[in-house]
Amino acid sequence: MIQNLFSMTGKICLVTGGSSGLGSYMAAGFLAAGAARVFITGRSEDKLSKKADELSALSEGQCIPISGDLSDLEGVQVLAERSRRGSHI
């Protein structure tokens, strides 16, 4: 019953700062709870790609990296456009 309370089955998620630390753990948790796709964001494309591959291998869901700097409006707009292309977040 508790597992159903936290089910993310079929959901699409977006996690900022997903290449390490708490963001990485949140992305892993969403995938473990059944999320279909989890987008992770961060500034380092290399770190994001490695983490996305690692997380995708551990679950049936897909982890998708989107690199960018969210400290300004332009970075947020780029993130919004890239995520729109791949899902209905």
PDB file of N, CA and C in Angstrom:
ATOM      1  N   MET A   1       0.818  -1.189   0.000  1.00  0.00           N
ATOM      2  CA  MET A   1       0.000   0.000   0.000  1.00  0.00           C
ATOM      3  C   MET A   1       0.866   1.258   0.000  1.00  0.00           C
ATOM      4  N   ILE A   2       1.919   1.277   0.786  1.00  0.00           N
ATOM      5  CA  ILE A   2       2.791   2.444   0.830  1.00  0.00           C
ATOM      6  C   ILE A   2       3.448   2.674  -0.528  1.00  0.00           C
ATOM      7  N   GLN A   3       3.840   1.600  -1.234  1.00  0.00           N
ATOM      8  CA  GLN A   3       4.455   1.768  -2.544  1.00  0.00           C
ATOM      9  C   GLN A   3       3.507   2.467  -3.504  1.00  0.00           C
ATOM     10  N   ASN A   4       2.233   2.150  -3.465  1.00  0.00           N
ATOM     11  CA  ASN A   4       1.273   2.796  -4.349  1.00  0.00           C
ATOM     12  C   ASN A   4       1.135   4.279  -4.041  1.00  0.00           C
ATOM     13  N   LEU A   5       1.333   4.658  -2.793  1.00  0.00           N
ATOM     14  CA  LEU A   5       1.247   6.054  -2.390  1.00  0.00           C
ATOM     15  C   LEU A   5       2.295   6.889  -3.122  1.00  0.00           C
ATOM     16  N   PHE A   6       3.446   6.299  -3.400  1.00  0.00           N
ATOM     17  CA  PHE A   6       4.535   7.021  -4.041  1.00  0.00           C
ATOM     18  C   PHE A   6       4.795   6.551  -5.469  1.00  0.00           C
ATOM     19  N   SER A   7       3.799   5.964  -6.100  1.00  0.00           N
ATOM     20  CA  SER A   7       3.968   5.470  -7.459  1.00  0.00           C
ATOM     21  C   SER A   7       4.130   6.626  -8.446  1.00  0.00           C
ATOM     22  N   MET A   8       5.108   6.501  -9.311  1.00  0.00           N
ATOM     23  CA  MET A   8       5.318   7.459 -10.396  1.00  0.00           C
ATOM     24  C   MET A   8       5.131   6.760 -11.745  1.00  0.00           C
ATOM     25  N   THR A   9       4.440   5.637 -11.733  1.00  0.00           N
ATOM     26  CA  THR A   9       4.280   4.818 -12.925  1.00  0.00           C
ATOM     27  C   THR A   9       3.761   5.639 -14.104  1.00  0.00           C
ATOM     28  N   GLY A  10       4.541   5.614 -15.187  1.00  0.00           N
ATOM     29  CA  GLY A  10       4.154   6.290 -16.412  1.00  0.00           C
ATOM     30  C   GLY A  10       4.341   7.800 -16.407  1.00  0.00           C
ATOM     31  N   LYS A  11       4.818   8.375 -15.327  1.00  0.00           N
ATOM     32  CA  LYS A  11       4.973   9.830 -15.227  1.00  0.00           C
ATOM     33  C   LYS A  11       6.264  10.293 -15.897  1.00  0.00           C
ATOM     34  N   ILE A  12       6.295  11.576 -16.226  1.00  0.00           N
ATOM     35  CA  ILE A  12       7.477  12.217 -16.780  1.00  0.00           C
ATOM     36  C   ILE A  12       7.912  13.288 -15.792  1.00  0.00           C
ATOM     37  N   CYS A  13       9.191  13.269 -15.415  1.00  0.00           N
ATOM     38  CA  CYS A  13       9.699  14.150 -14.358  1.00  0.00           C
ATOM     39  C   CYS A  13      10.853  15.000 -14.871  1.00  0.00           C
ATOM     40  N   LEU A  14      11.054  16.129 -14.210  1.00  0.00           N
ATOM     41  CA  LEU A  14      12.181  17.013 -14.487  1.00  0.00           C
ATOM     42  C   LEU A  14      12.898  17.290 -13.176  1.00  0.00           C
ATOM     43  N   VAL A  15      14.202  17.009 -13.138  1.00  0.00           N
ATOM     44  CA  VAL A  15      15.003  17.218 -11.931  1.00  0.00           C
ATOM     45  C   VAL A  15      16.155  18.154 -12.272  1.00  0.00           C
ATOM     46  N   THR A  16      16.197  19.314 -11.622  1.00  0.00           N
ATOM     47  CA  THR A  16      17.327  20.218 -11.821  1.00  0.00           C
ATOM     48  C   THR A  16      18.478  19.769 -10.930  1.00  0.00           C
ATOM     49  N   GLY A  17      19.690  19.976 -11.411  1.00  0.00           N
ATOM     50  CA  GLY A  17      20.858  19.538 -10.646  1.00  0.00           C
ATOM     51  C   GLY A  17      20.943  18.033 -10.534  1.00  0.00           C
ATOM     52  N   GLY A  18      20.548  17.336 -11.593  1.00  0.00           N
ATOM     53  CA  GLY A  18      20.428  15.888 -11.538  1.00  0.00           C
ATOM     54  C   GLY A  18      21.692  15.088 -11.757  1.00  0.00           C
ATOM     55  N   SER A  19      22.821  15.744 -11.993  1.00  0.00           N
ATOM     56  CA  SER A  19      24.038  14.977 -12.271  1.00  0.00           C
ATOM     57  C   SER A  19      24.756  14.514 -11.011  1.00  0.00           C
ATOM     58  N   SER A  20      24.389  15.066  -9.850  1.00  0.00           N
ATOM     59  CA  SER A  20      25.048  14.649  -8.608  1.00  0.00           C
ATOM     60  C   SER A  20      24.192  15.020  -7.401  1.00  0.00           C
ATOM     61  N   GLY A  21      24.614  14.545  -6.252  1.00  0.00           N
ATOM     62  CA  GLY A  21      23.973  14.921  -4.993  1.00  0.00           C
ATOM     63  C   GLY A  21      22.495  14.591  -4.911  1.00  0.00           C
ATOM     64  N   LEU A  22      21.748  15.478  -4.261  1.00  0.00           N
ATOM     65  CA  LEU A  22      20.320  15.246  -4.049  1.00  0.00           C
ATOM     66  C   LEU A  22      19.545  15.098  -5.352  1.00  0.00           C
ATOM     67  N   GLY A  23      19.895  15.884  -6.358  1.00  0.00           N
ATOM     68  CA  GLY A  23      19.205  15.778  -7.640  1.00  0.00           C
ATOM     69  C   GLY A  23      19.346  14.398  -8.250  1.00  0.00           C
ATOM     70  N   SER A  24      20.531  13.840  -8.154  1.00  0.00           N
ATOM     71  CA  SER A  24      20.781  12.498  -8.667  1.00  0.00           C
ATOM     72  C   SER A  24      19.943  11.461  -7.927  1.00  0.00           C
ATOM     73  N   TYR A  25      19.880  11.612  -6.603  1.00  0.00           N
ATOM     74  CA  TYR A  25      19.079  10.680  -5.803  1.00  0.00           C
ATOM     75  C   TYR A  25      17.587  10.828  -6.100  1.00  0.00           C
ATOM     76  N   MET A  26      17.132  12.043  -6.334  1.00  0.00           N
ATOM     77  CA  MET A  26      15.721  12.253  -6.676  1.00  0.00           C
ATOM     78  C   MET A  26      15.393  11.588  -8.017  1.00  0.00           C
ATOM     79  N   ALA A  27      16.268  11.777  -8.996  1.00  0.00           N
ATOM     80  CA  ALA A  27      16.057  11.158 -10.305  1.00  0.00           C
ATOM     81  C   ALA A  27      16.013   9.639 -10.179  1.00  0.00           C
ATOM     82  N   ALA A  28      16.931   9.075  -9.406  1.00  0.00           N
ATOM     83  CA  ALA A  28      16.950   7.624  -9.191  1.00  0.00           C
ATOM     84  C   ALA A  28      15.668   7.172  -8.505  1.00  0.00           C
ATOM     85  N   GLY A  29      15.188   7.950  -7.550  1.00  0.00           N
ATOM     86  CA  GLY A  29      13.953   7.612  -6.845  1.00  0.00           C
ATOM     87  C   GLY A  29      12.745   7.626  -7.762  1.00  0.00           C
ATOM     88  N   PHE A  30      12.658   8.630  -8.634  1.00  0.00           N
ATOM     89  CA  PHE A  30      11.547   8.689  -9.583  1.00  0.00           C
ATOM     90  C   PHE A  30      11.563   7.477 -10.512  1.00  0.00           C
ATOM     91  N   LEU A  31      12.747   7.122 -11.006  1.00  0.00           N
ATOM     92  CA  LEU A  31      12.854   5.955 -11.884  1.00  0.00           C
ATOM     93  C   LEU A  31      12.512   4.669 -11.141  1.00  0.00           C
ATOM     94  N   ALA A  32      12.985   4.541  -9.909  1.00  0.00           N
ATOM     95  CA  ALA A  32      12.679   3.347  -9.110  1.00  0.00           C
ATOM     96  C   ALA A  32      11.189   3.236  -8.812  1.00  0.00           C
ATOM     97  N   ALA A  33      10.509   4.387  -8.749  1.00  0.00           N
ATOM     98  CA  ALA A  33       9.069   4.396  -8.471  1.00  0.00           C
ATOM     99  C   ALA A  33       8.244   4.235  -9.743  1.00  0.00           C
ATOM    100  N   GLY A  34       8.912   4.000 -10.893  1.00  0.00           N
ATOM    101  CA  GLY A  34       8.197   3.681 -12.119  1.00  0.00           C
ATOM    102  C   GLY A  34       8.062   4.788 -13.141  1.00  0.00           C
ATOM    103  N   ALA A  35       8.742   5.911 -12.963  1.00  0.00           N
ATOM    104  CA  ALA A  35       8.642   7.000 -13.943  1.00  0.00           C
ATOM    105  C   ALA A  35       9.066   6.503 -15.325  1.00  0.00           C
ATOM    106  N   ALA A  36       8.329   6.934 -16.347  1.00  0.00           N
ATOM    107  CA  ALA A  36       8.651   6.537 -17.713  1.00  0.00           C
ATOM    108  C   ALA A  36       9.887   7.262 -18.218  1.00  0.00           C
ATOM    109  N   ARG A  37       9.967   8.564 -17.917  1.00  0.00           N
ATOM    110  CA  ARG A  37      11.102   9.386 -18.334  1.00  0.00           C
ATOM    111  C   ARG A  37      11.437  10.382 -17.236  1.00  0.00           C
ATOM    112  N   VAL A  38      12.721  10.559 -17.009  1.00  0.00           N
ATOM    113  CA  VAL A  38      13.193  11.570 -16.069  1.00  0.00           C
ATOM    114  C   VAL A  38      14.234  12.412 -16.794  1.00  0.00           C
ATOM    115  N   PHE A  39      13.954  13.692 -16.928  1.00  0.00           N
ATOM    116  CA  PHE A  39      14.907  14.635 -17.495  1.00  0.00           C
ATOM    117  C   PHE A  39      15.765  15.167 -16.357  1.00  0.00           C
ATOM    118  N   ILE A  40      17.087  15.120 -16.516  1.00  0.00           N
ATOM    119  CA  ILE A  40      17.979  15.711 -15.520  1.00  0.00           C
ATOM    120  C   ILE A  40      18.710  16.883 -16.169  1.00  0.00           C
ATOM    121  N   THR A  41      18.873  17.957 -15.414  1.00  0.00           N
ATOM    122  CA  THR A  41      19.542  19.140 -15.934  1.00  0.00           C
ATOM    123  C   THR A  41      20.764  19.471 -15.093  1.00  0.00           C
ATOM    124  N   GLY A  42      21.674  20.197 -15.698  1.00  0.00           N
ATOM    125  CA  GLY A  42      22.884  20.651 -15.032  1.00  0.00           C
ATOM    126  C   GLY A  42      23.774  21.346 -16.048  1.00  0.00           C
ATOM    127  N   ARG A  43      24.871  21.888 -15.588  1.00  0.00           N
ATOM    128  CA  ARG A  43      25.752  22.648 -16.478  1.00  0.00           C
ATOM    129  C   ARG A  43      26.754  21.778 -17.220  1.00  0.00           C
ATOM    130  N   SER A  44      27.156  20.665 -16.646  1.00  0.00           N
ATOM    131  CA  SER A  44      28.191  19.823 -17.249  1.00  0.00           C
ATOM    132  C   SER A  44      27.566  18.716 -18.098  1.00  0.00           C
ATOM    133  N   GLU A  45      27.724  18.862 -19.403  1.00  0.00           N
ATOM    134  CA  GLU A  45      27.147  17.873 -20.323  1.00  0.00           C
ATOM    135  C   GLU A  45      27.738  16.481 -20.100  1.00  0.00           C
ATOM    136  N   ASP A  46      29.043  16.412 -19.838  1.00  0.00           N
ATOM    137  CA  ASP A  46      29.700  15.118 -19.610  1.00  0.00           C
ATOM    138  C   ASP A  46      29.141  14.416 -18.376  1.00  0.00           C
ATOM    139  N   LYS A  47      29.054  15.142 -17.258  1.00  0.00           N
ATOM    140  CA  LYS A  47      28.536  14.551 -16.022  1.00  0.00           C
ATOM    141  C   LYS A  47      27.083  14.113 -16.194  1.00  0.00           C
ATOM    142  N   LEU A  48      26.292  14.938 -16.884  1.00  0.00           N
ATOM    143  CA  LEU A  48      24.885  14.591 -17.105  1.00  0.00           C
ATOM    144  C   LEU A  48      24.749  13.326 -17.939  1.00  0.00           C
ATOM    145  N   SER A  49      25.515  13.238 -19.017  1.00  0.00           N
ATOM    146  CA  SER A  49      25.433  12.062 -19.892  1.00  0.00           C
ATOM    147  C   SER A  49      25.806  10.791 -19.147  1.00  0.00           C
ATOM    148  N   LYS A  50      26.877  10.855 -18.363  1.00  0.00           N
ATOM    149  CA  LYS A  50      27.296   9.680 -17.592  1.00  0.00           C
ATOM    150  C   LYS A  50      26.234   9.280 -16.575  1.00  0.00           C
ATOM    151  N   LYS A  51      25.682  10.258 -15.870  1.00  0.00           N
ATOM    152  CA  LYS A  51      24.664   9.966 -14.855  1.00  0.00           C
ATOM    153  C   LYS A  51      23.391   9.434 -15.512  1.00  0.00           C
ATOM    154  N   ALA A  52      22.999  10.003 -16.647  1.00  0.00           N
ATOM    155  CA  ALA A  52      21.800   9.533 -17.345  1.00  0.00           C
ATOM    156  C   ALA A  52      21.964   8.081 -17.787  1.00  0.00           C
ATOM    157  N   ASP A  53      23.128   7.738 -18.314  1.00  0.00           N
ATOM    158  CA  ASP A  53      23.392   6.354 -18.719  1.00  0.00           C
ATOM    159  C   ASP A  53      23.331   5.422 -17.510  1.00  0.00           C
ATOM    160  N   GLU A  54      23.946   5.854 -16.417  1.00  0.00           N
ATOM    161  CA  GLU A  54      23.966   5.055 -15.187  1.00  0.00           C
ATOM    162  C   GLU A  54      22.545   4.814 -14.664  1.00  0.00           C
ATOM    163  N   LEU A  55      21.742   5.865 -14.608  1.00  0.00           N
ATOM    164  CA  LEU A  55      20.384   5.732 -14.071  1.00  0.00           C
ATOM    165  C   LEU A  55      19.474   4.938 -15.005  1.00  0.00           C
ATOM    166  N   SER A  56      19.620   5.135 -16.303  1.00  0.00           N
ATOM    167  CA  SER A  56      18.795   4.387 -17.261  1.00  0.00           C
ATOM    168  C   SER A  56      19.067   2.892 -17.173  1.00  0.00           C
ATOM    169  N   ALA A  57      20.319   2.525 -16.913  1.00  0.00           N
ATOM    170  CA  ALA A  57      20.689   1.109 -16.825  1.00  0.00           C
ATOM    171  C   ALA A  57      20.092   0.433 -15.596  1.00  0.00           C
ATOM    172  N   LEU A  58      19.716   1.214 -14.591  1.00  0.00           N
ATOM    173  CA  LEU A  58      19.202   0.652 -13.341  1.00  0.00           C
ATOM    174  C   LEU A  58      17.686   0.502 -13.311  1.00  0.00           C
ATOM    175  N   SER A  59      17.009   0.923 -14.371  1.00  0.00           N
ATOM    176  CA  SER A  59      15.544   0.886 -14.329  1.00  0.00           C
ATOM    177  C   SER A  59      14.973   0.651 -15.718  1.00  0.00           C
ATOM    178  N   GLU A  60      13.670   0.494 -15.770  1.00  0.00           N
ATOM    179  CA  GLU A  60      12.996   0.352 -17.059  1.00  0.00           C
ATOM    180  C   GLU A  60      12.719   1.708 -17.686  1.00  0.00           C
ATOM    181  N   GLY A  61      12.771   2.762 -16.884  1.00  0.00           N
ATOM    182  CA  GLY A  61      12.523   4.112 -17.381  1.00  0.00           C
ATOM    183  C   GLY A  61      13.731   4.667 -18.111  1.00  0.00           C
ATOM    184  N   GLN A  62      13.537   5.829 -18.693  1.00  0.00           N
ATOM    185  CA  GLN A  62      14.588   6.470 -19.469  1.00  0.00           C
ATOM    186  C   GLN A  62      15.009   7.759 -18.762  1.00  0.00           C
ATOM    187  N   CYS A  63      16.309   7.950 -18.604  1.00  0.00           N
ATOM    188  CA  CYS A  63      16.850   9.174 -18.021  1.00  0.00           C
ATOM    189  C   CYS A  63      17.472   9.982 -19.153  1.00  0.00           C
ATOM    190  N   ILE A  64      17.041  11.227 -19.300  1.00  0.00           N
ATOM    191  CA  ILE A  64      17.444  12.055 -20.431  1.00  0.00           C
ATOM    192  C   ILE A  64      18.174  13.304 -19.924  1.00  0.00           C
ATOM    193  N   PRO A  65      19.432  13.512 -20.340  1.00  0.00           N
ATOM    194  CA  PRO A  65      20.175  14.691 -19.886  1.00  0.00           C
ATOM    195  C   PRO A  65      19.866  15.922 -20.739  1.00  0.00           C
ATOM    196  N   ILE A  66      19.738  17.069 -20.081  1.00  0.00           N
ATOM    197  CA  ILE A  66      19.604  18.354 -20.769  1.00  0.00           C
ATOM    198  C   ILE A  66      20.578  19.315 -20.096  1.00  0.00           C
ATOM    199  N   SER A  67      21.642  19.681 -20.804  1.00  0.00           N
ATOM    200  CA  SER A  67      22.625  20.578 -20.201  1.00  0.00           C
ATOM    201  C   SER A  67      22.204  22.028 -20.387  1.00  0.00           C
ATOM    202  N   GLY A  68      22.578  22.852 -19.425  1.00  0.00           N
ATOM    203  CA  GLY A  68      22.276  24.275 -19.504  1.00  0.00           C
ATOM    204  C   GLY A  68      22.445  24.944 -18.160  1.00  0.00           C
ATOM    205  N   ASP A  69      22.535  26.265 -18.198  1.00  0.00           N
ATOM    206  CA  ASP A  69      22.704  27.077 -16.999  1.00  0.00           C
ATOM    207  C   ASP A  69      21.370  27.734 -16.670  1.00  0.00           C
ATOM    208  N   LEU A  70      20.791  27.366 -15.546  1.00  0.00           N
ATOM    209  CA  LEU A  70      19.479  27.890 -15.163  1.00  0.00           C
ATOM    210  C   LEU A  70      19.571  29.143 -14.295  1.00  0.00           C
ATOM    211  N   SER A  71      20.732  29.782 -14.259  1.00  0.00           N
ATOM    212  CA  SER A  71      20.886  30.972 -13.425  1.00  0.00           C
ATOM    213  C   SER A  71      20.393  32.241 -14.110  1.00  0.00           C
ATOM    214  N   ASP A  72      19.996  32.135 -15.388  1.00  0.00           N
ATOM    215  CA  ASP A  72      19.428  33.302 -16.065  1.00  0.00           C
ATOM    216  C   ASP A  72      18.237  32.888 -16.926  1.00  0.00           C
ATOM    217  N   LEU A  73      17.471  33.860 -17.366  1.00  0.00           N
ATOM    218  CA  LEU A  73      16.242  33.598 -18.114  1.00  0.00           C
ATOM    219  C   LEU A  73      16.507  32.844 -19.413  1.00  0.00           C
ATOM    220  N   GLU A  74      17.575  33.184 -20.105  1.00  0.00           N
ATOM    221  CA  GLU A  74      17.883  32.504 -21.363  1.00  0.00           C
ATOM    222  C   GLU A  74      18.079  31.003 -21.148  1.00  0.00           C
ATOM    223  N   GLY A  75      18.788  30.639 -20.096  1.00  0.00           N
ATOM    224  CA  GLY A  75      18.999  29.227 -19.785  1.00  0.00           C
ATOM    225  C   GLY A  75      17.702  28.507 -19.473  1.00  0.00           C
ATOM    226  N   VAL A  76      16.809  29.176 -18.770  1.00  0.00           N
ATOM    227  CA  VAL A  76      15.506  28.590 -18.444  1.00  0.00           C
ATOM    228  C   VAL A  76      14.691  28.391 -19.717  1.00  0.00           C
ATOM    229  N   GLN A  77      14.742  29.363 -20.627  1.00  0.00           N
ATOM    230  CA  GLN A  77      14.002  29.246 -21.886  1.00  0.00           C
ATOM    231  C   GLN A  77      14.542  28.105 -22.745  1.00  0.00           C
ATOM    232  N   VAL A  78      15.849  27.931 -22.764  1.00  0.00           N
ATOM    233  CA  VAL A  78      16.458  26.821 -23.511  1.00  0.00           C
ATOM    234  C   VAL A  78      16.002  25.489 -22.922  1.00  0.00           C
ATOM    235  N   LEU A  79      16.009  25.384 -21.601  1.00  0.00           N
ATOM    236  CA  LEU A  79      15.543  24.161 -20.937  1.00  0.00           C
ATOM    237  C   LEU A  79      14.089  23.870 -21.299  1.00  0.00           C
ATOM    238  N   ALA A  80      13.248  24.889 -21.252  1.00  0.00           N
ATOM    239  CA  ALA A  80      11.832  24.699 -21.574  1.00  0.00           C
ATOM    240  C   ALA A  80      11.658  24.197 -23.002  1.00  0.00           C
ATOM    241  N   GLU A  81      12.383  24.776 -23.933  1.00  0.00           N
ATOM    242  CA  GLU A  81      12.268  24.362 -25.335  1.00  0.00           C
ATOM    243  C   GLU A  81      12.770  22.934 -25.544  1.00  0.00           C
ATOM    244  N   ARG A  82      13.897  22.607 -24.957  1.00  0.00           N
ATOM    245  CA  ARG A  82      14.447  21.252 -25.120  1.00  0.00           C
ATOM    246  C   ARG A  82      13.539  20.201 -24.494  1.00  0.00           C
ATOM    247  N   SER A  83      12.973  20.494 -23.345  1.00  0.00           N
ATOM    248  CA  SER A  83      12.106  19.508 -22.698  1.00  0.00           C
ATOM    249  C   SER A  83      10.785  19.377 -23.443  1.00  0.00           C
ATOM    250  N   ARG A  84      10.298  20.460 -24.042  1.00  0.00           N
ATOM    251  CA  ARG A  84       9.057  20.392 -24.830  1.00  0.00           C
ATOM    252  C   ARG A  84       9.202  19.453 -26.021  1.00  0.00           C
ATOM    253  N   ARG A  85      10.374  19.436 -26.607  1.00  0.00           N
ATOM    254  CA  ARG A  85      10.604  18.574 -27.774  1.00  0.00           C
ATOM    255  C   ARG A  85      10.470  17.094 -27.437  1.00  0.00           C
ATOM    256  N   GLY A  86      10.803  16.737 -26.195  1.00  0.00           N
ATOM    257  CA  GLY A  86      10.856  15.326 -25.845  1.00  0.00           C
ATOM    258  C   GLY A  86       9.715  14.815 -24.998  1.00  0.00           C
ATOM    259  N   SER A  87       8.784  15.677 -24.602  1.00  0.00           N
ATOM    260  CA  SER A  87       7.734  15.190 -23.711  1.00  0.00           C
ATOM    261  C   SER A  87       6.627  16.205 -23.550  1.00  0.00           C
ATOM    262  N   HIS A  88       5.745  15.881 -22.638  1.00  0.00           N
ATOM    263  CA  HIS A  88       4.662  16.799 -22.273  1.00  0.00           C
ATOM    264  C   HIS A  88       4.767  17.169 -20.796  1.00  0.00           C
ATOM    265  N   ILE A  89       5.957  17.629 -20.387  1.00  0.00           N
ATOM    266  CA  ILE A  89       6.176  17.993 -18.981  1.00  0.00           C
ATOM    267  C   ILE A  89       5.207  19.096 -18.610  1.00  0.00           C
TER     268      ILE A  89
END
